């Protein structure tokens, strides 16, 4: 019975360490993506499309912000 109690305490300690300090070195090695072929002639079109989609989405999200800030930028240009 004492062994079960000690195991529970160790598990709680590990959960606390994981929460406060993140996963250990062994976890980080497991989380790395597998290496792919990075030769100059190789183009991963799927990854390229994902990055282009992210770029377009970011541009759409920043457009309203830029429209709000643009009058202030024009004031600085006109003062010079």
Foldseek 3Di string as FASTA:
>chain_A
DVVVVVVVVVVVVVVVCCVPPNDDPVVVVVPDDDDDDPDPVDDDVVVVVVVVVVVVVVVVVCVVVCVVCVVVVVVVVVVD
